[in-house]
Amino acid sequence: HSKAHLQHSESAEDTTMSKMKFEDHLTSMGVKALHCHADNGIFAATKWRNEFTKKGQTLSFAGAGAHHQNGAAERKIRDLTDLSRTMSVHAMRHWPEAITTHLWPHALRMASDVTNNSPTARTEDDCTSLQKMSNSDVDINWNHWHTFGAPTHNLLPPLQQEPRTHD
């Protein structure tokens, strides 16, 4: 399960804020974060570590340069990046005057939402990761979803009415 929270910087403050936002998301689904396995770098910052201590959570680190020790997270990041890039390129090709790289954060959020709400072949019951995480069988209403970057049109009220037949 992923939750895209976009940061303004790679500071310990922004990273800690992202952690808190993710935990709020988990709490809304009745899940409590108990442990985090992270890379070094900003995740070794005192502010980050103190946040875990304050909440009674445990923290472990992957070895230096050993991204394979955090393989699930690295794979998820790659998958979201690939899907975001694909949606952005597709949208830019079909609507170049409106789609720019400034929409990257929206593509990333859309990629996260799509993967969270799509059934995975790994489960026997065709559950989405969001359904599994929230322990819910409520299905998504796909009528509320639109292709990333596709222009939408609102018809003027006179055009919204049923077509009239001429006698």
N, C-alpha and C. Protein backbone atom coordinates (compact mmCIF):
# COMPACT_ATOMS: atom_id res chain seq x y z
N HIS A 1 0.85 -1.17 0.00
CA HIS A 1 0.00 0.00 0.00
C HIS A 1 0.90 1.23 0.00
N SER A 2 0.54 2.22 -0.78
CA SER A 2 1.35 3.44 -0.82
C SER A 2 0.46 4.65 -0.54
N LYS A 3 1.09 5.71 -0.12
CA LYS A 3 0.40 6.99 0.08
C LYS A 3 1.38 8.06 -0.34
N ALA A 4 1.06 8.77 -1.38
CA ALA A 4 1.96 9.80 -1.89
C ALA A 4 1.72 11.10 -1.12
N HIS A 5 2.71 11.49 -0.33
CA HIS A 5 2.71 12.79 0.34
C HIS A 5 3.92 13.53 -0.19
N LEU A 6 3.68 14.61 -0.88
CA LEU A 6 4.76 15.31 -1.57
C LEU A 6 5.45 16.28 -0.63
N GLN A 7 6.78 16.21 -0.63
CA GLN A 7 7.59 17.05 0.24
C GLN A 7 8.17 18.22 -0.55
N HIS A 8 8.45 19.31 0.16
CA HIS A 8 9.08 20.48 -0.46
C HIS A 8 10.59 20.36 -0.43
N SER A 9 11.11 19.53 0.47
CA SER A 9 12.55 19.35 0.58
C SER A 9 12.83 17.95 1.14
N GLU A 10 14.09 17.62 1.24
CA GLU A 10 14.49 16.34 1.82
C GLU A 10 14.95 16.52 3.26
N SER A 11 14.48 17.57 3.91
CA SER A 11 14.88 17.85 5.28
C SER A 11 14.24 16.85 6.24
N ALA A 12 14.81 16.77 7.43
CA ALA A 12 14.25 15.90 8.47
C ALA A 12 12.86 16.37 8.86
N GLU A 13 12.61 17.68 8.84
CA GLU A 13 11.29 18.21 9.18
C GLU A 13 10.24 17.75 8.18
N ASP A 14 10.52 17.90 6.88
CA ASP A 14 9.57 17.46 5.85
C ASP A 14 9.38 15.95 5.86
N THR A 15 10.45 15.22 6.07
CA THR A 15 10.37 13.76 6.10
C THR A 15 9.55 13.29 7.30
N THR A 16 9.74 13.93 8.44
CA THR A 16 8.98 13.60 9.63
C THR A 16 7.50 13.96 9.43
N MET A 17 7.23 15.07 8.76
CA MET A 17 5.85 15.46 8.46
C MET A 17 5.20 14.42 7.55
N SER A 18 5.93 13.91 6.58
CA SER A 18 5.40 12.86 5.70
C SER A 18 5.08 11.60 6.49
N LYS A 19 5.94 11.26 7.43
CA LYS A 19 5.70 10.09 8.29
C LYS A 19 4.41 10.28 9.07
N MET A 20 4.21 11.45 9.63
CA MET A 20 3.01 11.72 10.42
C MET A 20 1.76 11.67 9.54
N LYS A 21 1.84 12.20 8.33
CA LYS A 21 0.70 12.16 7.40
C LYS A 21 0.36 10.71 7.04
N PHE A 22 1.39 9.89 6.80
CA PHE A 22 1.16 8.48 6.48
C PHE A 22 0.53 7.76 7.67
N GLU A 23 1.00 8.06 8.87
CA GLU A 23 0.43 7.43 10.05
C GLU A 23 -1.01 7.88 10.28
N ASP A 24 -1.34 9.13 9.96
CA ASP A 24 -2.73 9.59 10.03
C ASP A 24 -3.60 8.79 9.06
N HIS A 25 -3.06 8.56 7.87
CA HIS A 25 -3.77 7.76 6.86
C HIS A 25 -4.00 6.34 7.38
N LEU A 26 -2.96 5.74 7.98
CA LEU A 26 -3.11 4.40 8.53
C LEU A 26 -4.14 4.37 9.66
N THR A 27 -4.08 5.36 10.54
CA THR A 27 -5.01 5.44 11.66
C THR A 27 -6.45 5.53 11.17
N SER A 28 -6.67 6.25 10.07
CA SER A 28 -8.03 6.38 9.52
C SER A 28 -8.57 5.03 9.05
N MET A 29 -7.68 4.07 8.83
CA MET A 29 -8.09 2.73 8.42
C MET A 29 -8.00 1.73 9.56
N GLY A 30 -7.70 2.21 10.76
CA GLY A 30 -7.63 1.34 11.92
C GLY A 30 -6.33 0.57 12.03
N VAL A 31 -5.26 1.08 11.44
CA VAL A 31 -3.96 0.41 11.46
C VAL A 31 -2.98 1.29 12.22
N LYS A 32 -2.12 0.68 13.02
CA LYS A 32 -1.10 1.42 13.77
C LYS A 32 0.28 1.00 13.28
N ALA A 33 1.11 1.96 12.97
CA ALA A 33 2.49 1.68 12.55
C ALA A 33 3.31 1.34 13.78
N LEU A 34 3.99 0.20 13.74
CA LEU A 34 4.81 -0.25 14.87
C LEU A 34 6.30 -0.20 14.59
N HIS A 35 6.68 -0.35 13.31
CA HIS A 35 8.09 -0.48 12.96
C HIS A 35 8.33 0.11 11.57
N CYS A 36 9.54 0.61 11.37
CA CYS A 36 9.96 1.11 10.07
C CYS A 36 11.36 0.60 9.76
N HIS A 37 11.55 0.13 8.55
CA HIS A 37 12.87 -0.27 8.08
C HIS A 37 13.24 0.73 6.99
N ALA A 38 14.32 1.46 7.17
CA ALA A 38 14.64 2.58 6.29
C ALA A 38 16.08 2.52 5.81
N ASP A 39 16.34 3.32 4.77
CA ASP A 39 17.71 3.55 4.34
C ASP A 39 18.34 4.50 5.36
N ASN A 40 19.64 4.70 5.24
CA ASN A 40 20.30 5.67 6.11
C ASN A 40 20.02 7.07 5.56
N GLY A 41 20.92 7.96 5.65
CA GLY A 41 20.71 9.32 5.15
C GLY A 41 19.82 10.09 6.09
N ILE A 42 18.81 10.74 5.53
CA ILE A 42 17.92 11.59 6.32
C ILE A 42 17.18 10.78 7.39
N PHE A 43 17.01 9.49 7.15
CA PHE A 43 16.29 8.65 8.11
C PHE A 43 17.10 8.38 9.38
N ALA A 44 18.38 8.72 9.35
CA ALA A 44 19.22 8.57 10.55
C ALA A 44 19.27 9.86 11.36
N ALA A 45 18.58 10.91 10.89
CA ALA A 45 18.59 12.21 11.58
C ALA A 45 17.94 12.08 12.97
N THR A 46 18.44 12.87 13.89
CA THR A 46 17.95 12.84 15.27
C THR A 46 16.46 13.13 15.34
N LYS A 47 15.99 14.11 14.59
CA LYS A 47 14.56 14.46 14.60
C LYS A 47 13.71 13.26 14.17
N TRP A 48 14.15 12.54 13.15
CA TRP A 48 13.43 11.36 12.66
C TRP A 48 13.41 10.26 13.74
N ARG A 49 14.57 9.99 14.32
CA ARG A 49 14.68 8.96 15.36
C ARG A 49 13.82 9.31 16.58
N ASN A 50 13.82 10.57 16.97
CA ASN A 50 13.05 11.01 18.13
C ASN A 50 11.55 10.80 17.93
N GLU A 51 11.10 10.95 16.70
CA GLU A 51 9.69 10.73 16.40
C GLU A 51 9.28 9.29 16.68
N PHE A 52 10.17 8.34 16.39
CA PHE A 52 9.89 6.93 16.67
C PHE A 52 9.88 6.66 18.17
N THR A 53 10.85 7.21 18.86
CA THR A 53 10.94 7.02 20.31
C THR A 53 9.69 7.58 20.98
N LYS A 54 9.28 8.76 20.57
CA LYS A 54 8.12 9.44 21.14
C LYS A 54 6.85 8.59 20.99
N LYS A 55 6.75 7.85 19.88
CA LYS A 55 5.54 7.06 19.62
C LYS A 55 5.69 5.59 19.99
N GLY A 56 6.82 5.22 20.59
CA GLY A 56 7.02 3.84 21.00
C GLY A 56 7.17 2.87 19.83
N GLN A 57 7.68 3.37 18.71
CA GLN A 57 7.89 2.55 17.52
C GLN A 57 9.35 2.15 17.41
N THR A 58 9.61 1.08 16.68
CA THR A 58 10.98 0.66 16.47
C THR A 58 11.43 1.04 15.07
N LEU A 59 12.73 1.15 14.91
CA LEU A 59 13.33 1.59 13.66
C LEU A 59 14.57 0.76 13.39
N SER A 60 14.71 0.25 12.17
CA SER A 60 15.92 -0.45 11.77
C SER A 60 16.38 0.12 10.43
N PHE A 61 17.66 -0.11 10.12
CA PHE A 61 18.24 0.48 8.91
C PHE A 61 18.82 -0.59 8.00
N ALA A 62 18.72 -0.33 6.70
CA ALA A 62 19.39 -1.17 5.71
C ALA A 62 20.87 -0.83 5.75
N GLY A 63 21.70 -1.76 5.38
CA GLY A 63 23.14 -1.51 5.32
C GLY A 63 23.47 -0.46 4.28
N ALA A 64 24.58 0.22 4.45
CA ALA A 64 25.00 1.26 3.51
C ALA A 64 25.13 0.69 2.10
N GLY A 65 24.47 1.31 1.14
CA GLY A 65 24.53 0.87 -0.25
C GLY A 65 23.80 -0.44 -0.52
N ALA A 66 23.03 -0.92 0.44
CA ALA A 66 22.34 -2.21 0.30
C ALA A 66 20.85 -1.99 0.09
N HIS A 67 20.50 -1.39 -1.05
CA HIS A 67 19.10 -1.10 -1.35
C HIS A 67 18.27 -2.37 -1.42
N HIS A 68 18.90 -3.49 -1.72
CA HIS A 68 18.17 -4.76 -1.80
C HIS A 68 17.58 -5.15 -0.45
N GLN A 69 18.11 -4.59 0.65
CA GLN A 69 17.57 -4.92 1.97
C GLN A 69 16.23 -4.21 2.22
N ASN A 70 15.91 -3.28 1.37
CA ASN A 70 14.63 -2.57 1.47
C ASN A 70 13.91 -2.72 0.14
N GLY A 71 13.98 -3.93 -0.40
CA GLY A 71 13.52 -4.21 -1.76
C GLY A 71 12.07 -3.88 -2.04
N ALA A 72 11.17 -4.17 -1.10
CA ALA A 72 9.75 -3.91 -1.34
C ALA A 72 9.50 -2.41 -1.53
N ALA A 73 10.11 -1.59 -0.71
CA ALA A 73 9.93 -0.14 -0.83
C ALA A 73 10.57 0.38 -2.11
N GLU A 74 11.77 -0.11 -2.42
CA GLU A 74 12.46 0.33 -3.64
C GLU A 74 11.64 -0.05 -4.88
N ARG A 75 11.05 -1.24 -4.88
CA ARG A 75 10.23 -1.70 -6.01
C ARG A 75 8.98 -0.82 -6.14
N LYS A 76 8.35 -0.49 -5.02
CA LYS A 76 7.15 0.34 -5.05
C LYS A 76 7.47 1.72 -5.60
N ILE A 77 8.60 2.28 -5.17
CA ILE A 77 9.02 3.60 -5.67
C ILE A 77 9.24 3.53 -7.17
N ARG A 78 9.91 2.48 -7.63
CA ARG A 78 10.16 2.33 -9.07
C ARG A 78 8.85 2.17 -9.84
N ASP A 79 7.94 1.35 -9.34
CA ASP A 79 6.66 1.14 -10.02
C ASP A 79 5.86 2.44 -10.11
N LEU A 80 5.80 3.20 -9.01
CA LEU A 80 5.07 4.47 -9.02
C LEU A 80 5.71 5.47 -9.97
N THR A 81 7.03 5.51 -9.97
CA THR A 81 7.75 6.42 -10.87
C THR A 81 7.50 6.05 -12.33
N ASP A 82 7.58 4.77 -12.64
CA ASP A 82 7.33 4.32 -14.02
C ASP A 82 5.91 4.63 -14.47
N LEU A 83 4.93 4.36 -13.61
CA LEU A 83 3.54 4.63 -13.97
C LEU A 83 3.30 6.13 -14.11
N SER A 84 3.86 6.93 -13.23
CA SER A 84 3.72 8.40 -13.31
C SER A 84 4.33 8.92 -14.60
N ARG A 85 5.51 8.42 -14.93
CA ARG A 85 6.19 8.85 -16.15
C ARG A 85 5.36 8.47 -17.38
N THR A 86 4.84 7.26 -17.40
CA THR A 86 4.04 6.80 -18.54
C THR A 86 2.78 7.65 -18.71
N MET A 87 2.08 7.92 -17.61
CA MET A 87 0.88 8.75 -17.70
C MET A 87 1.22 10.17 -18.16
N SER A 88 2.33 10.72 -17.67
CA SER A 88 2.73 12.08 -18.06
C SER A 88 3.09 12.16 -19.53
N VAL A 89 3.87 11.21 -20.00
CA VAL A 89 4.28 11.21 -21.41
C VAL A 89 3.06 11.06 -22.31
N HIS A 90 2.17 10.16 -21.95
CA HIS A 90 0.94 9.96 -22.73
C HIS A 90 0.13 11.25 -22.79
N ALA A 91 -0.06 11.89 -21.64
CA ALA A 91 -0.84 13.13 -21.59
C ALA A 91 -0.16 14.25 -22.38
N MET A 92 1.17 14.36 -22.27
CA MET A 92 1.91 15.40 -23.01
C MET A 92 1.79 15.20 -24.52
N ARG A 93 1.77 13.96 -24.93
CA ARG A 93 1.67 13.66 -26.37
C ARG A 93 0.31 14.06 -26.93
N HIS A 94 -0.74 13.87 -26.13
CA HIS A 94 -2.09 14.16 -26.61
C HIS A 94 -2.57 15.57 -26.31
N TRP A 95 -1.92 16.25 -25.38
CA TRP A 95 -2.35 17.61 -25.02
C TRP A 95 -1.14 18.45 -24.64
N PRO A 96 -0.20 18.63 -25.59
CA PRO A 96 1.09 19.29 -25.28
C PRO A 96 0.97 20.74 -24.84
N GLU A 97 -0.09 21.42 -25.23
CA GLU A 97 -0.21 22.83 -24.84
C GLU A 97 -0.64 22.99 -23.38
N ALA A 98 -1.10 21.92 -22.75
CA ALA A 98 -1.59 22.04 -21.37
C ALA A 98 -0.81 21.21 -20.36
N ILE A 99 -0.20 20.14 -20.78
CA ILE A 99 0.47 19.23 -19.85
C ILE A 99 1.97 19.55 -19.83
N THR A 100 2.48 19.79 -18.63
CA THR A 100 3.91 20.06 -18.46
C THR A 100 4.44 19.21 -17.31
N THR A 101 5.72 19.28 -17.11
CA THR A 101 6.33 18.52 -16.00
C THR A 101 5.88 19.06 -14.64
N HIS A 102 5.28 20.23 -14.61
CA HIS A 102 4.77 20.78 -13.34
C HIS A 102 3.63 19.92 -12.78
N LEU A 103 3.05 19.07 -13.62
CA LEU A 103 1.96 18.21 -13.16
C LEU A 103 2.46 16.88 -12.60
N TRP A 104 3.79 16.72 -12.52
CA TRP A 104 4.36 15.48 -12.00
C TRP A 104 3.78 15.07 -10.64
N PRO A 105 3.64 15.96 -9.67
CA PRO A 105 3.07 15.54 -8.38
C PRO A 105 1.67 14.93 -8.52
N HIS A 106 0.88 15.46 -9.43
CA HIS A 106 -0.47 14.93 -9.64
C HIS A 106 -0.42 13.55 -10.29
N ALA A 107 0.52 13.36 -11.20
CA ALA A 107 0.69 12.04 -11.82
C ALA A 107 1.13 11.03 -10.77
N LEU A 108 2.01 11.43 -9.87
CA LEU A 108 2.48 10.53 -8.82
C LEU A 108 1.34 10.15 -7.87
N ARG A 109 0.53 11.11 -7.50
CA ARG A 109 -0.63 10.80 -6.64
C ARG A 109 -1.60 9.87 -7.36
N MET A 110 -1.83 10.13 -8.65
CA MET A 110 -2.74 9.28 -9.42
C MET A 110 -2.19 7.86 -9.51
N ALA A 111 -0.89 7.72 -9.72
CA ALA A 111 -0.27 6.39 -9.79
C ALA A 111 -0.46 5.65 -8.47
N SER A 112 -0.30 6.35 -7.36
CA SER A 112 -0.49 5.75 -6.05
C SER A 112 -1.94 5.31 -5.87
N ASP A 113 -2.88 6.17 -6.24
CA ASP A 113 -4.30 5.83 -6.12
C ASP A 113 -4.67 4.64 -7.00
N VAL A 114 -4.15 4.61 -8.21
CA VAL A 114 -4.46 3.51 -9.13
C VAL A 114 -3.94 2.19 -8.57
N THR A 115 -2.70 2.16 -8.10
CA THR A 115 -2.15 0.91 -7.59
C THR A 115 -2.83 0.47 -6.29
N ASN A 116 -3.25 1.41 -5.47
CA ASN A 116 -3.95 1.06 -4.23
C ASN A 116 -5.35 0.51 -4.48
N ASN A 117 -5.96 0.93 -5.59
CA ASN A 117 -7.34 0.57 -5.86
C ASN A 117 -7.51 -0.46 -6.98
N SER A 118 -6.42 -1.07 -7.39
CA SER A 118 -6.48 -2.10 -8.42
C SER A 118 -6.25 -3.46 -7.78
N PRO A 119 -7.08 -4.45 -8.13
CA PRO A 119 -6.85 -5.79 -7.58
C PRO A 119 -5.50 -6.33 -8.02
N THR A 120 -4.89 -7.10 -7.18
CA THR A 120 -3.60 -7.68 -7.50
C THR A 120 -3.75 -9.17 -7.75
N ALA A 121 -2.99 -9.71 -8.65
CA ALA A 121 -3.05 -11.14 -8.98
C ALA A 121 -2.51 -11.99 -7.84
N ARG A 122 -1.83 -11.38 -6.90
CA ARG A 122 -1.22 -12.14 -5.80
C ARG A 122 -2.23 -12.59 -4.75
N THR A 123 -3.41 -12.02 -4.76
CA THR A 123 -4.40 -12.40 -3.75
C THR A 123 -5.42 -13.34 -4.35
N GLU A 124 -5.90 -14.24 -3.54
CA GLU A 124 -6.90 -15.21 -4.01
C GLU A 124 -8.28 -14.57 -4.17
N ASP A 125 -8.55 -13.52 -3.42
CA ASP A 125 -9.88 -12.93 -3.41
C ASP A 125 -10.00 -11.65 -4.24
N ASP A 126 -9.02 -11.35 -5.06
CA ASP A 126 -9.04 -10.15 -5.91
C ASP A 126 -9.25 -8.86 -5.12
N CYS A 127 -8.70 -8.79 -3.93
CA CYS A 127 -8.78 -7.58 -3.12
C CYS A 127 -7.75 -6.56 -3.60
N THR A 128 -8.06 -5.31 -3.38
CA THR A 128 -7.08 -4.26 -3.63
C THR A 128 -6.24 -4.09 -2.37
N SER A 129 -5.10 -3.45 -2.50
CA SER A 129 -4.28 -3.23 -1.31
C SER A 129 -5.00 -2.30 -0.32
N LEU A 130 -5.79 -1.38 -0.82
CA LEU A 130 -6.56 -0.50 0.07
C LEU A 130 -7.60 -1.30 0.85
N GLN A 131 -8.27 -2.26 0.19
CA GLN A 131 -9.24 -3.09 0.88
C GLN A 131 -8.56 -3.95 1.95
N LYS A 132 -7.40 -4.50 1.62
CA LYS A 132 -6.67 -5.32 2.59
C LYS A 132 -6.23 -4.49 3.79
N MET A 133 -5.67 -3.32 3.51
CA MET A 133 -5.16 -2.46 4.58
C MET A 133 -6.28 -1.99 5.50
N SER A 134 -7.42 -1.66 4.92
CA SER A 134 -8.53 -1.12 5.72
C SER A 134 -9.47 -2.20 6.22
N ASN A 135 -9.20 -3.45 5.82
CA ASN A 135 -10.05 -4.58 6.21
C ASN A 135 -11.50 -4.31 5.80
N SER A 136 -11.68 -3.87 4.56
CA SER A 136 -12.99 -3.49 4.04
C SER A 136 -13.20 -4.13 2.68
N ASP A 137 -14.44 -4.40 2.34
CA ASP A 137 -14.72 -4.92 1.01
C ASP A 137 -15.44 -3.90 0.14
N VAL A 138 -15.45 -2.65 0.58
CA VAL A 138 -16.07 -1.58 -0.20
C VAL A 138 -15.25 -1.40 -1.47
N ASP A 139 -15.94 -1.42 -2.59
CA ASP A 139 -15.27 -1.30 -3.88
C ASP A 139 -15.26 0.15 -4.33
N ILE A 140 -14.34 0.48 -5.19
CA ILE A 140 -14.21 1.84 -5.69
C ILE A 140 -15.26 2.10 -6.76
N ASN A 141 -15.72 3.32 -6.86
CA ASN A 141 -16.65 3.72 -7.91
C ASN A 141 -15.82 4.27 -9.07
N TRP A 142 -15.62 3.45 -10.07
CA TRP A 142 -14.76 3.84 -11.20
C TRP A 142 -15.34 4.97 -12.03
N ASN A 143 -16.63 5.27 -11.85
CA ASN A 143 -17.22 6.39 -12.59
C ASN A 143 -16.64 7.72 -12.16
N HIS A 144 -16.01 7.76 -10.98
CA HIS A 144 -15.42 9.00 -10.49
C HIS A 144 -13.98 9.17 -10.93
N TRP A 145 -13.44 8.21 -11.66
CA TRP A 145 -12.04 8.27 -12.09
C TRP A 145 -11.96 8.74 -13.53
N HIS A 146 -10.88 9.45 -13.82
CA HIS A 146 -10.64 9.94 -15.18
C HIS A 146 -9.18 9.69 -15.53
N THR A 147 -8.90 9.59 -16.78
CA THR A 147 -7.54 9.39 -17.25
C THR A 147 -6.70 10.61 -16.89
N PHE A 148 -5.49 10.38 -16.37
CA PHE A 148 -4.63 11.49 -16.00
C PHE A 148 -4.32 12.35 -17.22
N GLY A 149 -4.48 13.65 -17.07
CA GLY A 149 -4.13 14.60 -18.11
C GLY A 149 -5.15 14.77 -19.20
N ALA A 150 -6.23 14.00 -19.17
CA ALA A 150 -7.25 14.13 -20.21
C ALA A 150 -8.09 15.38 -19.95
N PRO A 151 -8.34 16.13 -21.00
CA PRO A 151 -9.18 17.31 -20.80
C PRO A 151 -10.61 16.88 -20.48
N THR A 152 -11.27 17.63 -19.65
CA THR A 152 -12.67 17.36 -19.34
C THR A 152 -13.48 18.56 -19.79
N HIS A 153 -14.72 18.32 -20.08
CA HIS A 153 -15.58 19.40 -20.57
C HIS A 153 -16.86 19.41 -19.75
N ASN A 154 -17.30 20.59 -19.41
CA ASN A 154 -18.60 20.76 -18.77
C ASN A 154 -19.52 21.37 -19.80
N LEU A 155 -20.61 20.69 -20.08
CA LEU A 155 -21.56 21.20 -21.05
C LEU A 155 -22.37 22.33 -20.45
N LEU A 156 -22.70 23.30 -21.28
CA LEU A 156 -23.59 24.37 -20.86
C LEU A 156 -24.96 23.77 -20.60
N PRO A 157 -25.73 24.32 -19.66
CA PRO A 157 -27.04 23.73 -19.31
C PRO A 157 -27.93 23.39 -20.51
N PRO A 158 -28.05 24.26 -21.53
CA PRO A 158 -28.94 23.89 -22.65
C PRO A 158 -28.45 22.62 -23.39
N LEU A 159 -27.15 22.36 -23.35
CA LEU A 159 -26.62 21.20 -24.06
C LEU A 159 -26.72 19.92 -23.22
N GLN A 160 -27.03 20.06 -21.93
CA GLN A 160 -27.10 18.91 -21.05
C GLN A 160 -28.44 18.17 -21.18
N GLN A 161 -29.41 18.79 -21.79
CA GLN A 161 -30.73 18.18 -21.89
C GLN A 161 -30.76 17.12 -22.97
N GLU A 162 -31.76 16.24 -22.86
CA GLU A 162 -31.94 15.19 -23.85
C GLU A 162 -32.14 15.82 -25.24
N PRO A 163 -31.62 15.16 -26.28
CA PRO A 163 -31.85 15.72 -27.64
C PRO A 163 -33.32 15.65 -27.99
N ARG A 164 -33.77 16.64 -28.67
CA ARG A 164 -35.18 16.70 -29.06
C ARG A 164 -35.34 16.07 -30.44
N THR A 165 -36.43 15.43 -30.61
CA THR A 165 -36.73 14.86 -31.93
C THR A 165 -37.62 15.84 -32.68
N HIS A 166 -37.39 15.93 -33.94
CA HIS A 166 -38.20 16.84 -34.77
C HIS A 166 -39.32 16.04 -35.38
N ASP A 167 -40.53 16.60 -35.32
CA ASP A 167 -41.69 15.94 -35.92
C ASP A 167 -41.86 16.28 -37.35
